[in-house]
Amino acid sequence: MHPWRGARALALTLAALLLGACAQIYYATIGSADSAHNLVVRRGIVFDPKHAIALDIYAPHNAANAPVVVFFYGGSWEGGRRRWYRYVGEALASNGVIAVIPDYRKYPDVRFPSFMHDAANAAKWTFTHAAEFGGDARRVFVMGHSAGGHIAALLACDKRYLAAVGMQPRDLAGMIGLAGAYAFLPYVEDEAAIFGDDPKGRYDSQPINFVDGDEPPMLLLQGRNDREVTPNNAEAMAERAQAMDGTAVLKLYAGVDHNQLLVALAHRHGTTAPTLRDTLDFIAHPPTVTPATVNTIPTQPSP
């Protein structure tokens, strides 16, 4: 089953929302952490002067050697802005994790792999400057939702992008994918234009093709009711990691759809899914690089 098929009407509606002023209002209403006022927030830090691309940092007060997450938002590689994901930064930082949320260039201004180079530059900047905002460069994770999960996964699995900035995937402490697009052929709509409708484009666009067991540990979170990026993406990714003696933890949430999985980050215990709890647990105790494990959990977390 194609990950996007069956949800085109919903995607168009959401795209219309995101492209309008209503998007800012919508994301501003998502509940943020109660302790958000105790955070240190630095906005608009330019990490790529050539393309004028910036990032925001959300950190606990007096952070010292804290884990760091570089979060890539979704939007079908065509939409999104870092400020809409303030609640993600606040949720992580309120729980002791420094969050770095970068922008990246998008279609139709650029095509693949330009946004991957932006993502690699953001990861390199974070790795280099982590100590300046209380972070530990040995504990830098990449994380993303939907198209952002695709970007995070390619950084972790396709060695070429980090190699171009003097890094390697094992420099990362882990990859956290929320409903990531890992195996989404055949293309639909703009995907052929974004990635290239030729053998190279089709191969290079799929993170699953680059899983060889040498990537950092992966946490794959997925809603079973997701009709935009269907569960077979995460399931296939975990199976591939297992086949290659890699490390992937797969958690499937019953009754959870594409957006509920992400918005649940605003609540530690999760009204629909324990996304934040499972993310924090993985960051605190990332598995060693051993054969993949697959876990299926119910919709509601245990008390």
C-alpha atoms as a PDB file:
ATOM      1  CA  MET A   1       0.000   0.000   0.000  1.00  0.00           C
ATOM      2  CA  HIS A   2       1.336   3.419  -0.878  1.00  0.00           C
ATOM      3  CA  PRO A   3       1.894   5.564   2.221  1.00  0.00           C
ATOM      4  CA  TRP A   4       0.103   8.632   0.913  1.00  0.00           C
ATOM      5  CA  ARG A   5      -2.741   6.982  -0.994  1.00  0.00           C
ATOM      6  CA  GLY A   6      -6.259   7.367   0.342  1.00  0.00           C
ATOM      7  CA  ALA A   7      -5.503  10.644   2.121  1.00  0.00           C
ATOM      8  CA  ARG A   8      -5.176  13.137  -0.701  1.00  0.00           C
ATOM      9  CA  ALA A   9      -8.290  15.115   0.180  1.00  0.00           C
ATOM     10  CA  LEU A  10      -7.136  15.436   3.772  1.00  0.00           C
ATOM     11  CA  ALA A  11      -3.646  16.424   2.658  1.00  0.00           C
ATOM     12  CA  LEU A  12      -5.010  19.167   0.407  1.00  0.00           C
ATOM     13  CA  THR A  13      -7.145  20.524   3.224  1.00  0.00           C
ATOM     14  CA  LEU A  14      -4.208  20.519   5.598  1.00  0.00           C
ATOM     15  CA  ALA A  15      -1.939  22.146   3.017  1.00  0.00           C
ATOM     16  CA  ALA A  16      -4.430  24.950   2.552  1.00  0.00           C
ATOM     17  CA  LEU A  17      -4.467  25.472   6.301  1.00  0.00           C
ATOM     18  CA  LEU A  18      -0.710  25.456   6.645  1.00  0.00           C
ATOM     19  CA  LEU A  19      -0.186  27.901   3.830  1.00  0.00           C
ATOM     20  CA  GLY A  20      -2.540  30.443   5.357  1.00  0.00           C
ATOM     21  CA  ALA A  21      -2.478  32.630   8.421  1.00  0.00           C
ATOM     22  CA  CYS A  22      -4.697  30.078  10.156  1.00  0.00           C
ATOM     23  CA  ALA A  23      -1.692  27.782  10.525  1.00  0.00           C
ATOM     24  CA  GLN A  24      -0.011  30.091  12.995  1.00  0.00           C
ATOM     25  CA  ILE A  25      -3.190  30.326  15.020  1.00  0.00           C
ATOM     26  CA  TYR A  26      -3.655  26.559  15.000  1.00  0.00           C
ATOM     27  CA  TYR A  27      -0.149  25.751  16.195  1.00  0.00           C
ATOM     28  CA  ALA A  28      -0.276  28.488  18.820  1.00  0.00           C
ATOM     29  CA  THR A  29      -3.275  26.782  20.421  1.00  0.00           C
ATOM     30  CA  ILE A  30      -1.499  23.459  20.936  1.00  0.00           C
ATOM     31  CA  GLY A  31      -0.808  23.050  24.611  1.00  0.00           C
ATOM     32  CA  SER A  32       2.789  23.577  25.585  1.00  0.00           C
ATOM     33  CA  ALA A  33       4.556  22.440  28.721  1.00  0.00           C
ATOM     34  CA  ASP A  34       3.534  23.945  32.035  1.00  0.00           C
ATOM     35  CA  SER A  35       7.169  24.759  32.829  1.00  0.00           C
ATOM     36  CA  ALA A  36       7.832  26.489  29.508  1.00  0.00           C
ATOM     37  CA  HIS A  37       8.405  29.818  31.261  1.00  0.00           C
ATOM     38  CA  ASN A  38      11.550  28.329  32.855  1.00  0.00           C
ATOM     39  CA  LEU A  39      13.194  27.707  29.508  1.00  0.00           C
ATOM     40  CA  VAL A  40      15.868  29.574  27.589  1.00  0.00           C
ATOM     41  CA  VAL A  41      14.747  30.210  24.008  1.00  0.00           C
ATOM     42  CA  ARG A  42      17.019  31.533  21.276  1.00  0.00           C
ATOM     43  CA  ARG A  43      15.343  32.220  17.952  1.00  0.00           C
ATOM     44  CA  GLY A  44      16.585  33.032  14.489  1.00  0.00           C
ATOM     45  CA  ILE A  45      20.148  31.722  14.703  1.00  0.00           C
ATOM     46  CA  VAL A  46      21.479  31.580  11.152  1.00  0.00           C
ATOM     47  CA  PHE A  47      23.320  28.293  10.590  1.00  0.00           C
ATOM     48  CA  ASP A  48      23.577  28.615   6.783  1.00  0.00           C
ATOM     49  CA  PRO A  49      24.450  32.208   5.807  1.00  0.00           C
ATOM     50  CA  LYS A  50      24.678  31.313   2.125  1.00  0.00           C
ATOM     51  CA  HIS A  51      20.999  30.415   1.971  1.00  0.00           C
ATOM     52  CA  ALA A  52      19.883  32.525   4.966  1.00  0.00           C
ATOM     53  CA  ILE A  53      18.483  29.500   6.839  1.00  0.00           C
ATOM     54  CA  ALA A  54      17.963  29.764  10.589  1.00  0.00           C
ATOM     55  CA  LEU A  55      17.098  27.612  13.573  1.00  0.00           C
ATOM     56  CA  ASP A  56      15.562  28.037  17.026  1.00  0.00           C
ATOM     57  CA  ILE A  57      16.886  26.549  20.264  1.00  0.00           C
ATOM     58  CA  TYR A  58      14.819  25.571  23.307  1.00  0.00           C
ATOM     59  CA  ALA A  59      16.899  24.697  26.371  1.00  0.00           C
ATOM     60  CA  PRO A  60      16.342  24.106  30.073  1.00  0.00           C
ATOM     61  CA  HIS A  61      17.688  26.808  32.376  1.00  0.00           C
ATOM     62  CA  ASN A  62      21.252  26.081  33.438  1.00  0.00           C
ATOM     63  CA  ALA A  63      21.551  23.170  31.016  1.00  0.00           C
ATOM     64  CA  ALA A  64      24.843  21.317  31.313  1.00  0.00           C
ATOM     65  CA  ASN A  65      25.817  18.336  29.166  1.00  0.00           C
ATOM     66  CA  ALA A  66      22.181  17.818  28.246  1.00  0.00           C
ATOM     67  CA  PRO A  67      21.060  15.599  25.375  1.00  0.00           C
ATOM     68  CA  VAL A  68      20.186  17.456  22.182  1.00  0.00           C
ATOM     69  CA  VAL A  69      17.506  16.733  19.589  1.00  0.00           C
ATOM     70  CA  VAL A  70      17.534  18.261  16.115  1.00  0.00           C
ATOM     71  CA  PHE A  71      13.871  18.159  15.056  1.00  0.00           C
ATOM     72  CA  PHE A  72      12.845  18.294  11.387  1.00  0.00           C
ATOM     73  CA  TYR A  73       9.186  19.130  10.823  1.00  0.00           C
ATOM     74  CA  GLY A  74       7.062  17.648   8.052  1.00  0.00           C
ATOM     75  CA  GLY A  75       4.988  19.171   5.277  1.00  0.00           C
ATOM     76  CA  SER A  76       5.463  16.910   2.249  1.00  0.00           C
ATOM     77  CA  TRP A  77       8.843  18.596   1.585  1.00  0.00           C
ATOM     78  CA  GLU A  78       6.820  21.633   0.471  1.00  0.00           C
ATOM     79  CA  GLY A  79       5.543  23.447   3.579  1.00  0.00           C
ATOM     80  CA  GLY A  80       6.166  24.249   7.221  1.00  0.00           C
ATOM     81  CA  ARG A  81       8.000  26.786   9.359  1.00  0.00           C
ATOM     82  CA  ARG A  82      10.075  26.243  12.444  1.00  0.00           C
ATOM     83  CA  ARG A  83       8.062  28.623  14.633  1.00  0.00           C
ATOM     84  CA  TRP A  84       4.959  26.466  14.224  1.00  0.00           C
ATOM     85  CA  TYR A  85       6.712  23.765  16.251  1.00  0.00           C
ATOM     86  CA  ARG A  86       7.355  25.799  19.375  1.00  0.00           C
ATOM     87  CA  TYR A  87       5.351  23.250  21.353  1.00  0.00           C
ATOM     88  CA  VAL A  88       7.770  20.495  20.321  1.00  0.00           C
ATOM     89  CA  GLY A  89      10.736  22.525  21.530  1.00  0.00           C
ATOM     90  CA  GLU A  90       9.036  23.433  24.793  1.00  0.00           C
ATOM     91  CA  ALA A  91       7.933  19.875  25.478  1.00  0.00           C
ATOM     92  CA  LEU A  92      11.434  18.481  25.040  1.00  0.00           C
ATOM     93  CA  ALA A  93      13.230  21.284  26.862  1.00  0.00           C
ATOM     94  CA  SER A  94      10.809  21.119  29.786  1.00  0.00           C
ATOM     95  CA  ASN A  95      11.950  17.544  30.228  1.00  0.00           C
ATOM     96  CA  GLY A  96      15.674  18.238  30.198  1.00  0.00           C
ATOM     97  CA  VAL A  97      16.346  17.834  26.466  1.00  0.00           C
ATOM     98  CA  ILE A  98      17.673  20.688  24.347  1.00  0.00           C
ATOM     99  CA  ALA A  99      15.640  21.034  21.142  1.00  0.00           C
ATOM    100  CA  VAL A 100      17.046  22.534  17.948  1.00  0.00           C
ATOM    101  CA  ILE A 101      14.423  23.220  15.280  1.00  0.00           C
ATOM    102  CA  PRO A 102      15.854  24.295  11.909  1.00  0.00           C
ATOM    103  CA  ASP A 103      14.146  25.429   8.755  1.00  0.00           C
ATOM    104  CA  TYR A 104      15.193  23.930   5.423  1.00  0.00           C
ATOM    105  CA  ARG A 105      14.598  24.776   1.781  1.00  0.00           C
ATOM    106  CA  LYS A 106      11.580  23.223   0.111  1.00  0.00           C
ATOM    107  CA  TYR A 107      10.006  22.388  -3.205  1.00  0.00           C
ATOM    108  CA  PRO A 108       9.456  24.120  -5.630  1.00  0.00           C
ATOM    109  CA  ASP A 109      12.344  26.422  -4.680  1.00  0.00           C
ATOM    110  CA  VAL A 110      14.658  23.407  -4.540  1.00  0.00           C
ATOM    111  CA  ARG A 111      14.523  19.713  -5.269  1.00  0.00           C
ATOM    112  CA  PHE A 112      16.069  16.703  -3.597  1.00  0.00           C
ATOM    113  CA  PRO A 113      18.743  16.460  -2.309  1.00  0.00           C
ATOM    114  CA  SER A 114      19.110  20.195  -1.551  1.00  0.00           C
ATOM    115  CA  PHE A 115      17.057  20.010   1.630  1.00  0.00           C
ATOM    116  CA  MET A 116      19.180  17.071   2.757  1.00  0.00           C
ATOM    117  CA  HIS A 117      22.262  19.261   2.583  1.00  0.00           C
ATOM    118  CA  ASP A 118      20.415  21.855   4.676  1.00  0.00           C
ATOM    119  CA  ALA A 119      19.614  19.167   7.238  1.00  0.00           C
ATOM    120  CA  ALA A 120      23.229  17.990   7.332  1.00  0.00           C
ATOM    121  CA  ASN A 121      24.399  21.567   7.853  1.00  0.00           C
ATOM    122  CA  ALA A 122      21.942  21.947  10.744  1.00  0.00           C
ATOM    123  CA  ALA A 123      23.209  18.735  12.334  1.00  0.00           C
ATOM    124  CA  LYS A 124      26.833  19.827  11.912  1.00  0.00           C
ATOM    125  CA  TRP A 125      26.106  23.259  13.401  1.00  0.00           C
ATOM    126  CA  THR A 126      24.431  21.618  16.378  1.00  0.00           C
ATOM    127  CA  PHE A 127      27.266  19.141  16.858  1.00  0.00           C
ATOM    128  CA  THR A 128      29.854  21.946  16.734  1.00  0.00           C
ATOM    129  CA  HIS A 129      28.005  24.413  18.977  1.00  0.00           C
ATOM    130  CA  ALA A 130      26.270  22.048  21.413  1.00  0.00           C
ATOM    131  CA  ALA A 131      28.412  22.982  24.396  1.00  0.00           C
ATOM    132  CA  GLU A 132      27.657  26.694  23.912  1.00  0.00           C
ATOM    133  CA  PHE A 133      24.030  26.185  24.898  1.00  0.00           C
ATOM    134  CA  GLY A 134      24.555  23.459  27.498  1.00  0.00           C
ATOM    135  CA  GLY A 135      24.398  20.433  25.229  1.00  0.00           C
ATOM    136  CA  ASP A 136      26.485  17.298  24.968  1.00  0.00           C
ATOM    137  CA  ALA A 137      27.777  16.677  21.443  1.00  0.00           C
ATOM    138  CA  ARG A 138      28.068  12.981  22.274  1.00  0.00           C
ATOM    139  CA  ARG A 139      24.294  12.849  22.704  1.00  0.00           C
ATOM    140  CA  VAL A 140      22.910  14.551  19.608  1.00  0.00           C
ATOM    141  CA  PHE A 141      19.807  12.863  18.171  1.00  0.00           C
ATOM    142  CA  VAL A 142      17.987  13.619  14.936  1.00  0.00           C
ATOM    143  CA  MET A 143      14.203  13.448  14.975  1.00  0.00           C
ATOM    144  CA  GLY A 144      11.422  14.212  12.536  1.00  0.00           C
ATOM    145  CA  HIS A 145       7.758  13.792  11.711  1.00  0.00           C
ATOM    146  CA  SER A 146       6.453  12.627   8.324  1.00  0.00           C
ATOM    147  CA  ALA A 147       8.660  14.237   5.644  1.00  0.00           C
ATOM    148  CA  GLY A 148      10.870  15.384   8.527  1.00  0.00           C
ATOM    149  CA  GLY A 149      11.154  11.757   9.613  1.00  0.00           C
ATOM    150  CA  HIS A 150      12.299  10.943   6.077  1.00  0.00           C
ATOM    151  CA  ILE A 151      14.980  13.625   6.352  1.00  0.00           C
ATOM    152  CA  ALA A 152      16.146  12.412   9.776  1.00  0.00           C
ATOM    153  CA  ALA A 153      16.254   8.813   8.542  1.00  0.00           C
ATOM    154  CA  LEU A 154      18.318   9.664   5.471  1.00  0.00           C
ATOM    155  CA  LEU A 155      20.803  11.560   7.644  1.00  0.00           C
ATOM    156  CA  ALA A 156      21.134   8.513   9.866  1.00  0.00           C
ATOM    157  CA  CYS A 157      21.297   5.924   7.077  1.00  0.00           C
ATOM    158  CA  ASP A 158      22.764   7.455   3.909  1.00  0.00           C
ATOM    159  CA  LYS A 159      26.329   8.282   4.890  1.00  0.00           C
ATOM    160  CA  ARG A 160      26.875  10.763   2.073  1.00  0.00           C
ATOM    161  CA  TYR A 161      25.063  13.718   3.643  1.00  0.00           C
ATOM    162  CA  LEU A 162      26.900  13.805   6.958  1.00  0.00           C
ATOM    163  CA  ALA A 163      30.175  12.885   5.246  1.00  0.00           C
ATOM    164  CA  ALA A 164      29.888  16.102   3.250  1.00  0.00           C
ATOM    165  CA  VAL A 165      30.093  18.084   6.522  1.00  0.00           C
ATOM    166  CA  GLY A 166      32.785  15.962   8.132  1.00  0.00           C
ATOM    167  CA  MET A 167      30.525  13.676  10.162  1.00  0.00           C
ATOM    168  CA  GLN A 168      29.264  10.117  10.026  1.00  0.00           C
ATOM    169  CA  PRO A 169      25.948   8.598  11.141  1.00  0.00           C
ATOM    170  CA  ARG A 170      27.537   6.955  14.180  1.00  0.00           C
ATOM    171  CA  ASP A 171      28.367  10.456  15.465  1.00  0.00           C
ATOM    172  CA  LEU A 172      24.640  10.663  16.201  1.00  0.00           C
ATOM    173  CA  ALA A 173      23.299   9.121  19.383  1.00  0.00           C
ATOM    174  CA  GLY A 174      20.139   8.012  17.623  1.00  0.00           C
ATOM    175  CA  MET A 175      17.341   8.702  15.184  1.00  0.00           C
ATOM    176  CA  ILE A 176      13.702   9.171  16.233  1.00  0.00           C
ATOM    177  CA  GLY A 177      11.129   8.894  13.469  1.00  0.00           C
ATOM    178  CA  LEU A 178       7.479   9.850  13.938  1.00  0.00           C
ATOM    179  CA  ALA A 179       5.435   8.448  11.054  1.00  0.00           C
ATOM    180  CA  GLY A 180       8.423   8.851   8.791  1.00  0.00           C
ATOM    181  CA  ALA A 181       8.324   8.200   5.054  1.00  0.00           C
ATOM    182  CA  TYR A 182      10.943   5.479   4.733  1.00  0.00           C
ATOM    183  CA  ALA A 183       9.650   3.398   1.816  1.00  0.00           C
ATOM    184  CA  PHE A 184       7.092   5.385  -0.160  1.00  0.00           C
ATOM    185  CA  LEU A 185       7.259   4.197  -3.748  1.00  0.00           C
ATOM    186  CA  PRO A 186       5.471   4.529  -6.119  1.00  0.00           C
ATOM    187  CA  TYR A 187       5.447   8.315  -6.232  1.00  0.00           C
ATOM    188  CA  VAL A 188       2.243  10.346  -6.196  1.00  0.00           C
ATOM    189  CA  GLU A 189       1.557  14.008  -6.984  1.00  0.00           C
ATOM    190  CA  ASP A 190       4.716  16.184  -6.682  1.00  0.00           C
ATOM    191  CA  GLU A 191       7.017  13.440  -5.433  1.00  0.00           C
ATOM    192  CA  ALA A 192       8.371  12.599  -8.881  1.00  0.00           C
ATOM    193  CA  ALA A 193       9.270  16.254  -9.418  1.00  0.00           C
ATOM    194  CA  ILE A 194      10.790  16.574  -5.952  1.00  0.00           C
ATOM    195  CA  PHE A 195      12.974  13.458  -6.062  1.00  0.00           C
ATOM    196  CA  GLY A 196      13.421  12.693  -9.744  1.00  0.00           C
ATOM    197  CA  ASP A 197      11.446  10.103 -11.653  1.00  0.00           C
ATOM    198  CA  ASP A 198      14.431   8.042 -12.741  1.00  0.00           C
ATOM    199  CA  PRO A 199      16.185   5.017 -11.227  1.00  0.00           C
ATOM    200  CA  LYS A 200      18.655   7.130  -9.260  1.00  0.00           C
ATOM    201  CA  GLY A 201      15.980   9.446  -7.855  1.00  0.00           C
ATOM    202  CA  ARG A 202      13.714   6.566  -6.920  1.00  0.00           C
ATOM    203  CA  TYR A 203      16.540   4.692  -5.195  1.00  0.00           C
ATOM    204  CA  ASP A 204      18.200   7.615  -3.412  1.00  0.00           C
ATOM    205  CA  SER A 205      14.921   8.977  -2.054  1.00  0.00           C
ATOM    206  CA  GLN A 206      14.136   5.867   0.014  1.00  0.00           C
ATOM    207  CA  PRO A 207      15.834   5.698   3.449  1.00  0.00           C
ATOM    208  CA  ILE A 208      15.194   1.965   3.677  1.00  0.00           C
ATOM    209  CA  ASN A 209      17.674   1.385   0.841  1.00  0.00           C
ATOM    210  CA  PHE A 210      20.562   2.644   2.980  1.00  0.00           C
ATOM    211  CA  VAL A 211      20.007   0.639   6.150  1.00  0.00           C
ATOM    212  CA  ASP A 212      23.143  -1.499   6.452  1.00  0.00           C
ATOM    213  CA  GLY A 213      23.473  -2.019  10.209  1.00  0.00           C
ATOM    214  CA  ASP A 214      26.003   0.796  10.610  1.00  0.00           C
ATOM    215  CA  GLU A 215      23.443   3.485  11.484  1.00  0.00           C
ATOM    216  CA  PRO A 216      22.761   4.742  15.029  1.00  0.00           C
ATOM    217  CA  PRO A 217      19.899   3.143  16.983  1.00  0.00           C
ATOM    218  CA  MET A 218      16.459   4.084  15.684  1.00  0.00           C
ATOM    219  CA  LEU A 219      13.140   4.633  17.441  1.00  0.00           C
ATOM    220  CA  LEU A 220      10.231   4.305  15.023  1.00  0.00           C
ATOM    221  CA  LEU A 221       6.904   5.586  16.382  1.00  0.00           C
ATOM    222  CA  GLN A 222       3.813   5.020  14.281  1.00  0.00           C
ATOM    223  CA  GLY A 223       0.032   5.314  14.564  1.00  0.00           C
ATOM    224  CA  ARG A 224      -1.876   2.298  13.299  1.00  0.00           C
ATOM    225  CA  ASN A 225      -4.648   4.564  11.963  1.00  0.00           C
ATOM    226  CA  ASP A 226      -2.258   6.687   9.891  1.00  0.00           C
ATOM    227  CA  ARG A 227      -3.557   7.017   6.334  1.00  0.00           C
ATOM    228  CA  GLU A 228      -0.978   9.573   5.189  1.00  0.00           C
ATOM    229  CA  VAL A 229       2.185   7.633   5.966  1.00  0.00           C
ATOM    230  CA  THR A 230       0.928   4.121   6.501  1.00  0.00           C
ATOM    231  CA  PRO A 231       2.415   1.777   9.124  1.00  0.00           C
ATOM    232  CA  ASN A 232       4.119  -0.416   6.541  1.00  0.00           C
ATOM    233  CA  ASN A 233       6.811   2.287   6.270  1.00  0.00           C
ATOM    234  CA  ALA A 234       7.935   1.847   9.880  1.00  0.00           C
ATOM    235  CA  GLU A 235       7.357  -1.902   9.839  1.00  0.00           C
ATOM    236  CA  ALA A 236       9.513  -2.358   6.748  1.00  0.00           C
ATOM    237  CA  MET A 237      12.213  -0.108   8.209  1.00  0.00           C
ATOM    238  CA  ALA A 238      12.379  -2.146  11.406  1.00  0.00           C
ATOM    239  CA  GLU A 239      12.462  -5.406   9.449  1.00  0.00           C
ATOM    240  CA  ARG A 240      15.283  -4.090   7.282  1.00  0.00           C
ATOM    241  CA  ALA A 241      17.281  -3.041  10.355  1.00  0.00           C
ATOM    242  CA  GLN A 242      16.796  -6.470  11.868  1.00  0.00           C
ATOM    243  CA  ALA A 243      17.895  -8.178   8.659  1.00  0.00           C
ATOM    244  CA  MET A 244      21.048  -6.055   8.594  1.00  0.00           C
ATOM    245  CA  ASP A 245      21.842  -6.588  12.301  1.00  0.00           C
ATOM    246  CA  GLY A 246      20.984  -2.980  13.048  1.00  0.00           C
ATOM    247  CA  THR A 247      19.021  -1.580  15.967  1.00  0.00           C
ATOM    248  CA  ALA A 248      15.476  -0.302  15.639  1.00  0.00           C
ATOM    249  CA  VAL A 249      12.683  -0.141  18.200  1.00  0.00           C
ATOM    250  CA  LEU A 250       9.242  -0.046  16.579  1.00  0.00           C
ATOM    251  CA  LYS A 251       6.211   1.090  18.570  1.00  0.00           C
ATOM    252  CA  LEU A 252       2.780   0.983  16.978  1.00  0.00           C
ATOM    253  CA  TYR A 253      -0.042   2.940  18.618  1.00  0.00           C
ATOM    254  CA  ALA A 254      -3.552   1.609  18.079  1.00  0.00           C
ATOM    255  CA  GLY A 255      -6.219   4.183  17.192  1.00  0.00           C
ATOM    256  CA  VAL A 256      -3.683   6.956  16.470  1.00  0.00           C
ATOM    257  CA  ASP A 257      -3.488   8.871  13.189  1.00  0.00           C
ATOM    258  CA  HIS A 258      -0.805  10.922  11.481  1.00  0.00           C
ATOM    259  CA  ASN A 259      -1.264  14.227  13.273  1.00  0.00           C
ATOM    260  CA  GLN A 260      -2.303  12.831  16.651  1.00  0.00           C
ATOM    261  CA  LEU A 261       1.076  11.140  16.889  1.00  0.00           C
ATOM    262  CA  LEU A 262       2.858  14.487  16.657  1.00  0.00           C
ATOM    263  CA  VAL A 263       0.505  16.652  18.703  1.00  0.00           C
ATOM    264  CA  ALA A 264       0.762  14.110  21.529  1.00  0.00           C
ATOM    265  CA  LEU A 265       4.260  15.495  22.139  1.00  0.00           C
ATOM    266  CA  ALA A 266       2.581  18.385  23.930  1.00  0.00           C
ATOM    267  CA  HIS A 267       1.531  16.026  26.711  1.00  0.00           C
ATOM    268  CA  ARG A 268       4.006  13.834  28.566  1.00  0.00           C
ATOM    269  CA  HIS A 269       1.504  11.081  29.247  1.00  0.00           C
ATOM    270  CA  GLY A 270      -0.275  11.515  25.936  1.00  0.00           C
ATOM    271  CA  THR A 271      -4.013  11.855  25.514  1.00  0.00           C
ATOM    272  CA  THR A 272      -3.827   9.725  22.372  1.00  0.00           C
ATOM    273  CA  ALA A 273      -0.304   8.282  22.348  1.00  0.00           C
ATOM    274  CA  PRO A 274       2.689   8.272  24.720  1.00  0.00           C
ATOM    275  CA  THR A 275       4.879   9.876  22.048  1.00  0.00           C
ATOM    276  CA  LEU A 276       6.747  12.129  24.454  1.00  0.00           C
ATOM    277  CA  ARG A 277       7.229   9.476  27.114  1.00  0.00           C
ATOM    278  CA  ASP A 278       8.635   6.969  24.647  1.00  0.00           C
ATOM    279  CA  THR A 279      10.858   9.625  23.062  1.00  0.00           C
ATOM    280  CA  LEU A 280      12.281  10.669  26.439  1.00  0.00           C
ATOM    281  CA  ASP A 281      12.862   7.056  27.450  1.00  0.00           C
ATOM    282  CA  PHE A 282      14.775   6.400  24.231  1.00  0.00           C
ATOM    283  CA  ILE A 283      16.908   9.518  24.679  1.00  0.00           C
ATOM    284  CA  ALA A 284      17.688   8.626  28.281  1.00  0.00           C
ATOM    285  CA  HIS A 285      18.488   4.998  27.479  1.00  0.00           C
ATOM    286  CA  PRO A 286      19.237   4.495  23.782  1.00  0.00           C
ATOM    287  CA  PRO A 287      19.707   0.828  22.981  1.00  0.00           C
ATOM    288  CA  THR A 288      23.078  -0.492  22.060  1.00  0.00           C
ATOM    289  CA  VAL A 289      23.570  -1.367  18.418  1.00  0.00           C
ATOM    290  CA  THR A 290      22.243  -4.917  18.445  1.00  0.00           C
ATOM    291  CA  PRO A 291      19.617  -6.661  16.297  1.00  0.00           C
ATOM    292  CA  ALA A 292      16.353  -4.768  15.982  1.00  0.00           C
ATOM    293  CA  THR A 293      13.501  -5.198  18.423  1.00  0.00           C
ATOM    294  CA  VAL A 294       9.860  -4.731  17.524  1.00  0.00           C
ATOM    295  CA  ASN A 295       7.279  -3.672  20.097  1.00  0.00           C
ATOM    296  CA  THR A 296       3.565  -3.081  19.624  1.00  0.00           C
ATOM    297  CA  ILE A 297       1.867  -1.102  22.371  1.00  0.00           C
ATOM    298  CA  PRO A 298      -1.771  -0.151  23.022  1.00  0.00           C
ATOM    299  CA  THR A 299      -3.289   3.263  22.386  1.00  0.00           C
ATOM    300  CA  GLN A 300      -3.317   4.364  26.008  1.00  0.00           C
ATOM    301  CA  PRO A 301      -0.129   4.256  28.095  1.00  0.00           C
ATOM    302  CA  SER A 302      -0.154   2.424  31.376  1.00  0.00           C
ATOM    303  CA  PRO A 303      -0.721   4.589  34.481  1.00  0.00           C
END
